[in-house]
Amino acid sequence: MIVTRWFGKITLNLSLLLVALICIIPFWWVFVMSTLPGNERVIKAPMIPGGDFLINFQTLIETVNLGQSFMNSLYLATVGTLISLFFSALASMAYAKYQFKYKQFLFMFTLLTMFMPSQLAWIGQIKQFQSWGILDTYWPFILGAFGAAFSIIVITGYIERGIPDSLLDSARIDGAREFNIFLTIVLPLIRPVLASLAIITFIGSWNNYAGVLVIIFSPEKYTLPLALSLLDQGVLWSNTSAQAVGILISLLPIMTVYFIASRQFIQALTSGAIKE
């Protein structure tokens, strides 16, 4: 029995180690590539770092407006994530805790929008944005963040199962207004799901390439993924080391948001368990 238990633990740990290596190796390859000479022809995947990271970084910032594109991406991803989470939670509370006409129809319509590829709506959206005069601006991305169907569906289910009606009724009896109930009761209680959706939403907005490509025309408004993709069309088309530096820089905000949000997610779950 003891031998079987130890064998199971060893097998599990080895499996987890193998999965971790599979996930880490691509990042290690990108890091190693960023340290190799830019004119070096790589025939096979490198494993040993070089010493030319600063040179490749200098080449990158001399070719691409790295700081501006980085800040553009950070602005769009941060604003889009905050707007999406707040208004998705607001709509989810309405779906989960209120009764109104055509509620089921609207909820099903929200669900069906998830099944339509966003590319199919581009022609109509671009014409609409053009008539509004907001092409080549960030307004299309900000307006699009107000209606996140996936977030609404997920948060609605979480509120229905995790927040009892009696808790909200008690707040109403004490004289709390509906919006104050949302801010002071609902939002703190749904922190775990908000943290999880924050990771997904931020990564999706940060890595948005196709949407920026068809809406933004001015180079000074390019986001980081679009700016890095243009390296293949410029003088760095053969400098894979400089491109690798850009990829590493683009990963930093994503990893930062992941670690921050995942910690909040674990803390929210732990505090909830202690209270119970």
Protein backbone atom coordinates (compact mmCIF):
# COMPACT_ATOMS: atom_id res chain seq x y z
CA MET A 1 0.00 0.00 0.00
CA ILE A 2 2.81 2.40 0.93
CA VAL A 3 4.75 1.43 -2.21
CA THR A 4 1.69 2.07 -4.38
CA ARG A 5 1.12 5.48 -2.79
CA TRP A 6 4.75 6.53 -3.25
CA PHE A 7 4.73 5.27 -6.85
CA GLY A 8 1.63 7.36 -7.53
CA LYS A 9 3.24 10.49 -6.05
CA ILE A 10 6.44 9.98 -8.05
CA THR A 11 4.49 9.43 -11.26
CA LEU A 12 2.39 12.54 -10.63
CA ASN A 13 5.44 14.70 -9.88
CA LEU A 14 7.28 13.46 -12.97
CA SER A 15 4.24 14.15 -15.12
CA LEU A 16 3.94 17.68 -13.74
CA LEU A 17 7.66 18.23 -14.29
CA LEU A 18 7.35 17.08 -17.91
CA VAL A 19 4.41 19.41 -18.53
CA ALA A 20 6.32 22.30 -16.93
CA LEU A 21 9.33 21.67 -19.16
CA ILE A 22 7.16 21.55 -22.27
CA CYS A 23 5.68 24.93 -21.31
CA ILE A 24 8.99 26.55 -20.32
CA ILE A 25 11.21 25.41 -23.22
CA PRO A 26 9.63 27.73 -25.87
CA PHE A 27 10.15 30.74 -23.57
CA TRP A 28 13.73 29.66 -22.96
CA TRP A 29 14.33 29.42 -26.71
CA VAL A 30 13.02 32.95 -27.22
CA PHE A 31 15.27 34.23 -24.41
CA VAL A 32 18.32 32.47 -25.86
CA MET A 33 17.55 33.84 -29.33
CA SER A 34 17.42 37.36 -27.90
CA THR A 35 21.00 36.99 -26.63
CA LEU A 36 22.56 35.69 -29.86
CA PRO A 37 24.18 37.88 -32.55
CA GLY A 38 21.59 39.27 -34.92
CA ASN A 39 23.45 38.17 -38.04
CA GLU A 40 23.98 34.62 -36.80
CA ARG A 41 22.14 31.99 -38.80
CA VAL A 42 20.39 29.57 -36.46
CA ILE A 43 20.03 26.09 -37.90
CA LYS A 44 18.62 24.33 -34.85
CA ALA A 45 16.93 25.43 -31.66
CA PRO A 46 19.62 27.02 -29.40
CA MET A 47 19.89 26.19 -25.71
CA ILE A 48 22.88 28.23 -24.50
CA PRO A 49 22.50 32.04 -24.16
CA GLY A 50 24.87 34.47 -25.80
CA GLY A 51 25.96 37.95 -24.78
CA ASP A 52 24.36 40.27 -27.34
CA PHE A 53 21.05 41.04 -25.64
CA LEU A 54 21.79 44.76 -25.17
CA ILE A 55 22.97 45.07 -28.77
CA ASN A 56 19.78 43.46 -30.04
CA PHE A 57 17.71 45.67 -27.76
CA GLN A 58 19.47 48.76 -29.10
CA THR A 59 18.79 47.61 -32.66
CA LEU A 60 15.14 47.11 -31.83
CA ILE A 61 14.54 50.54 -30.26
CA GLU A 62 16.37 52.23 -33.15
CA THR A 63 14.03 50.57 -35.66
CA VAL A 64 10.68 50.50 -33.86
CA ASN A 65 8.98 53.13 -31.70
CA LEU A 66 9.01 50.63 -28.87
CA GLY A 67 8.03 52.92 -26.01
CA GLN A 68 5.06 54.48 -27.79
CA SER A 69 3.67 51.18 -29.06
CA PHE A 70 4.14 49.61 -25.63
CA MET A 71 2.18 52.41 -23.94
CA ASN A 72 -0.53 52.20 -26.61
CA SER A 73 -0.98 48.50 -25.92
CA LEU A 74 -0.93 49.04 -22.17
CA TYR A 75 -3.55 51.78 -22.41
CA LEU A 76 -5.93 49.77 -24.60
CA ALA A 77 -5.53 46.56 -22.59
CA THR A 78 -5.97 48.26 -19.20
CA VAL A 79 -8.91 50.47 -20.14
CA GLY A 80 -10.60 47.68 -22.09
CA THR A 81 -10.22 45.21 -19.23
CA LEU A 82 -11.58 47.58 -16.58
CA ILE A 83 -14.56 48.62 -18.70
CA SER A 84 -15.32 45.05 -19.73
CA LEU A 85 -15.25 43.66 -16.18
CA PHE A 86 -17.28 46.49 -14.62
CA PHE A 87 -20.10 46.60 -17.16
CA SER A 88 -20.14 42.82 -17.61
CA ALA A 89 -20.61 42.45 -13.85
CA LEU A 90 -23.34 45.10 -13.94
CA ALA A 91 -25.21 43.32 -16.73
CA SER A 92 -24.69 39.96 -15.02
CA MET A 93 -26.29 41.20 -11.82
CA ALA A 94 -29.35 42.27 -13.83
CA TYR A 95 -29.58 38.87 -15.52
CA ALA A 96 -29.01 36.93 -12.31
CA LYS A 97 -31.06 38.84 -9.72
CA TYR A 98 -33.76 40.84 -11.51
CA GLN A 99 -36.88 39.95 -13.44
CA PHE A 100 -37.77 42.04 -16.48
CA LYS A 101 -39.46 41.64 -19.84
CA TYR A 102 -37.58 39.72 -22.54
CA LYS A 103 -34.92 38.70 -20.05
CA GLN A 104 -34.50 35.18 -21.44
CA PHE A 105 -34.48 36.45 -25.02
CA LEU A 106 -31.77 39.02 -24.29
CA PHE A 107 -29.70 36.47 -22.42
CA MET A 108 -29.93 33.98 -25.29
CA PHE A 109 -29.06 36.73 -27.76
CA THR A 110 -25.99 37.56 -25.66
CA LEU A 111 -25.04 33.88 -25.70
CA LEU A 112 -25.49 33.58 -29.47
CA THR A 113 -23.13 36.49 -30.15
CA MET A 114 -20.30 34.30 -28.85
CA PHE A 115 -20.76 31.90 -31.79
CA MET A 116 -20.31 34.51 -34.53
CA PRO A 117 -16.71 35.05 -35.65
CA SER A 118 -15.72 38.65 -35.09
CA GLN A 119 -14.21 38.82 -38.59
CA LEU A 120 -17.67 38.45 -40.14
CA ALA A 121 -18.79 41.68 -38.49
CA TRP A 122 -15.80 43.74 -39.58
CA ILE A 123 -17.33 45.08 -42.81
CA GLY A 124 -20.42 46.41 -41.07
CA GLN A 125 -18.45 47.66 -38.09
CA ILE A 126 -15.87 49.50 -40.19
CA LYS A 127 -18.61 51.23 -42.18
CA GLN A 128 -20.34 52.20 -38.95
CA PHE A 129 -17.14 53.48 -37.40
CA GLN A 130 -16.39 55.42 -40.56
CA SER A 131 -19.82 57.09 -40.45
CA TRP A 132 -19.13 58.03 -36.82
CA GLY A 133 -15.70 59.39 -37.71
CA ILE A 134 -13.83 57.22 -35.21
CA LEU A 135 -11.67 55.16 -37.56
CA ASP A 136 -7.96 55.41 -36.77
CA THR A 137 -8.83 56.06 -33.12
CA TYR A 138 -9.06 53.86 -30.03
CA TRP A 139 -12.79 54.47 -29.60
CA PRO A 140 -13.87 51.30 -31.48
CA PHE A 141 -11.92 49.16 -28.99
CA ILE A 142 -13.24 51.08 -25.98
CA LEU A 143 -16.85 50.86 -27.18
CA GLY A 144 -16.41 47.16 -27.92
CA ALA A 145 -15.35 46.53 -24.34
CA PHE A 146 -18.80 47.46 -23.04
CA GLY A 147 -20.33 44.25 -24.35
CA ALA A 148 -18.25 41.17 -23.47
CA ALA A 149 -20.60 38.22 -23.96
CA PHE A 150 -18.26 35.60 -22.50
CA SER A 151 -17.69 37.61 -19.32
CA ILE A 152 -21.41 38.25 -18.92
CA ILE A 153 -22.26 34.56 -19.22
CA VAL A 154 -19.57 33.49 -16.74
CA ILE A 155 -20.30 36.17 -14.14
CA THR A 156 -24.06 35.60 -14.37
CA GLY A 157 -23.66 31.95 -13.45
CA TYR A 158 -21.30 32.84 -10.61
CA ILE A 159 -23.71 35.39 -9.12
CA GLU A 160 -26.67 33.02 -9.41
CA ARG A 161 -24.87 30.26 -7.53
CA GLY A 162 -22.69 32.26 -5.16
CA ILE A 163 -24.79 35.20 -3.92
CA PRO A 164 -28.09 34.40 -2.16
CA ASP A 165 -31.10 36.64 -2.70
CA SER A 166 -31.51 36.96 1.06
CA LEU A 167 -28.20 38.83 1.32
CA LEU A 168 -29.34 41.45 -1.20
CA ASP A 169 -32.77 41.68 0.41
CA SER A 170 -31.15 42.36 3.78
CA ALA A 171 -29.20 45.23 2.25
CA ARG A 172 -32.38 46.65 0.75
CA ILE A 173 -34.13 46.48 4.11
CA ASP A 174 -31.24 48.46 5.61
CA GLY A 175 -31.89 51.17 3.01
CA ALA A 176 -29.10 50.45 0.53
CA ARG A 177 -29.70 51.55 -3.05
CA GLU A 178 -29.33 49.04 -5.88
CA PHE A 179 -26.14 50.53 -7.29
CA ASN A 180 -24.57 50.69 -3.83
CA ILE A 181 -25.48 47.03 -3.33
CA PHE A 182 -23.66 46.26 -6.55
CA LEU A 183 -20.56 48.22 -5.53
CA THR A 184 -20.29 47.20 -1.87
CA ILE A 185 -21.68 43.65 -1.86
CA VAL A 186 -21.70 42.06 -5.31
CA LEU A 187 -18.33 43.25 -6.62
CA PRO A 188 -16.32 42.14 -3.53
CA LEU A 189 -18.01 38.72 -3.53
CA ILE A 190 -17.25 38.04 -7.20
CA ARG A 191 -13.55 38.92 -6.97
CA PRO A 192 -12.44 35.37 -7.82
CA VAL A 193 -14.26 35.26 -11.14
CA LEU A 194 -13.28 38.86 -11.91
CA ALA A 195 -9.62 38.00 -11.33
CA SER A 196 -9.85 35.03 -13.69
CA LEU A 197 -11.62 37.06 -16.37
CA ALA A 198 -9.13 39.91 -15.92
CA ILE A 199 -6.35 37.58 -17.03
CA ILE A 200 -8.28 36.37 -20.08
CA THR A 201 -9.51 39.83 -21.08
CA PHE A 202 -6.15 41.55 -20.66
CA ILE A 203 -4.31 38.90 -22.67
CA GLY A 204 -6.92 39.03 -25.44
CA SER A 205 -6.74 42.83 -25.64
CA TRP A 206 -2.95 42.95 -25.40
CA ASN A 207 -2.51 40.38 -28.19
CA ASN A 208 -5.18 41.93 -30.43
CA TYR A 209 -3.51 42.14 -33.82
CA ALA A 210 -6.16 41.76 -36.52
CA GLY A 211 -8.55 44.32 -35.03
CA VAL A 212 -5.83 46.95 -34.72
CA LEU A 213 -4.60 46.17 -38.23
CA VAL A 214 -7.95 47.02 -39.88
CA ILE A 215 -8.88 50.03 -37.71
CA ILE A 216 -5.61 51.84 -36.93
CA PHE A 217 -3.66 53.46 -39.79
CA SER A 218 -1.32 55.91 -38.09
CA PRO A 219 2.07 54.42 -37.09
CA GLU A 220 2.18 56.46 -33.88
CA LYS A 221 -1.01 54.67 -32.75
CA TYR A 222 0.26 51.15 -33.44
CA THR A 223 0.11 48.68 -30.58
CA LEU A 224 3.08 46.50 -29.72
CA PRO A 225 1.94 43.31 -31.55
CA LEU A 226 1.33 45.29 -34.75
CA ALA A 227 4.63 47.17 -34.44
CA LEU A 228 6.56 43.93 -33.93
CA SER A 229 4.82 42.28 -36.87
CA LEU A 230 6.05 45.07 -39.14
CA LEU A 231 9.64 44.07 -38.39
CA ASP A 232 9.29 41.36 -41.03
CA GLN A 233 8.66 44.09 -43.61
CA GLY A 234 11.55 46.33 -42.59
CA VAL A 235 15.27 46.20 -42.02
CA LEU A 236 14.91 43.59 -39.28
CA TRP A 237 13.34 40.99 -41.52
CA SER A 238 16.39 38.75 -41.04
CA ASN A 239 17.30 39.83 -37.50
CA THR A 240 15.47 37.20 -35.48
CA SER A 241 17.38 38.16 -32.34
CA ALA A 242 15.93 41.68 -32.28
CA GLN A 243 12.50 40.22 -32.91
CA ALA A 244 12.99 37.86 -29.96
CA VAL A 245 13.78 40.85 -27.73
CA GLY A 246 10.49 42.42 -28.77
CA ILE A 247 8.62 39.21 -28.00
CA LEU A 248 10.15 39.08 -24.51
CA ILE A 249 9.14 42.67 -23.83
CA SER A 250 5.58 41.95 -25.00
CA LEU A 251 5.35 39.06 -22.52
CA LEU A 252 6.18 41.15 -19.45
CA PRO A 253 2.77 42.85 -18.93
CA ILE A 254 0.91 39.61 -19.55
CA MET A 255 2.96 37.73 -16.96
CA THR A 256 2.62 40.62 -14.50
CA VAL A 257 -1.17 40.68 -14.79
CA TYR A 258 -1.29 36.91 -14.49
CA PHE A 259 0.70 36.80 -11.27
CA ILE A 260 -1.21 39.71 -9.71
CA ALA A 261 -4.66 38.41 -10.65
CA SER A 262 -3.88 34.81 -9.76
CA ARG A 263 -2.72 35.88 -6.29
CA GLN A 264 -5.94 37.83 -5.77
CA PHE A 265 -7.90 34.84 -6.97
CA ILE A 266 -6.26 32.54 -4.42
CA GLN A 267 -6.64 35.10 -1.61
CA ALA A 268 -10.33 35.55 -2.38
CA LEU A 269 -10.94 31.83 -2.28
CA THR A 270 -8.97 31.43 0.96
CA SER A 271 -10.73 34.28 2.75
CA GLY A 272 -14.09 32.88 1.69
CA ALA A 273 -13.22 29.47 3.07
CA ILE A 274 -12.09 30.94 6.40
CA LYS A 275 -15.29 32.96 6.78
CA GLU A 276 -17.34 29.87 6.24
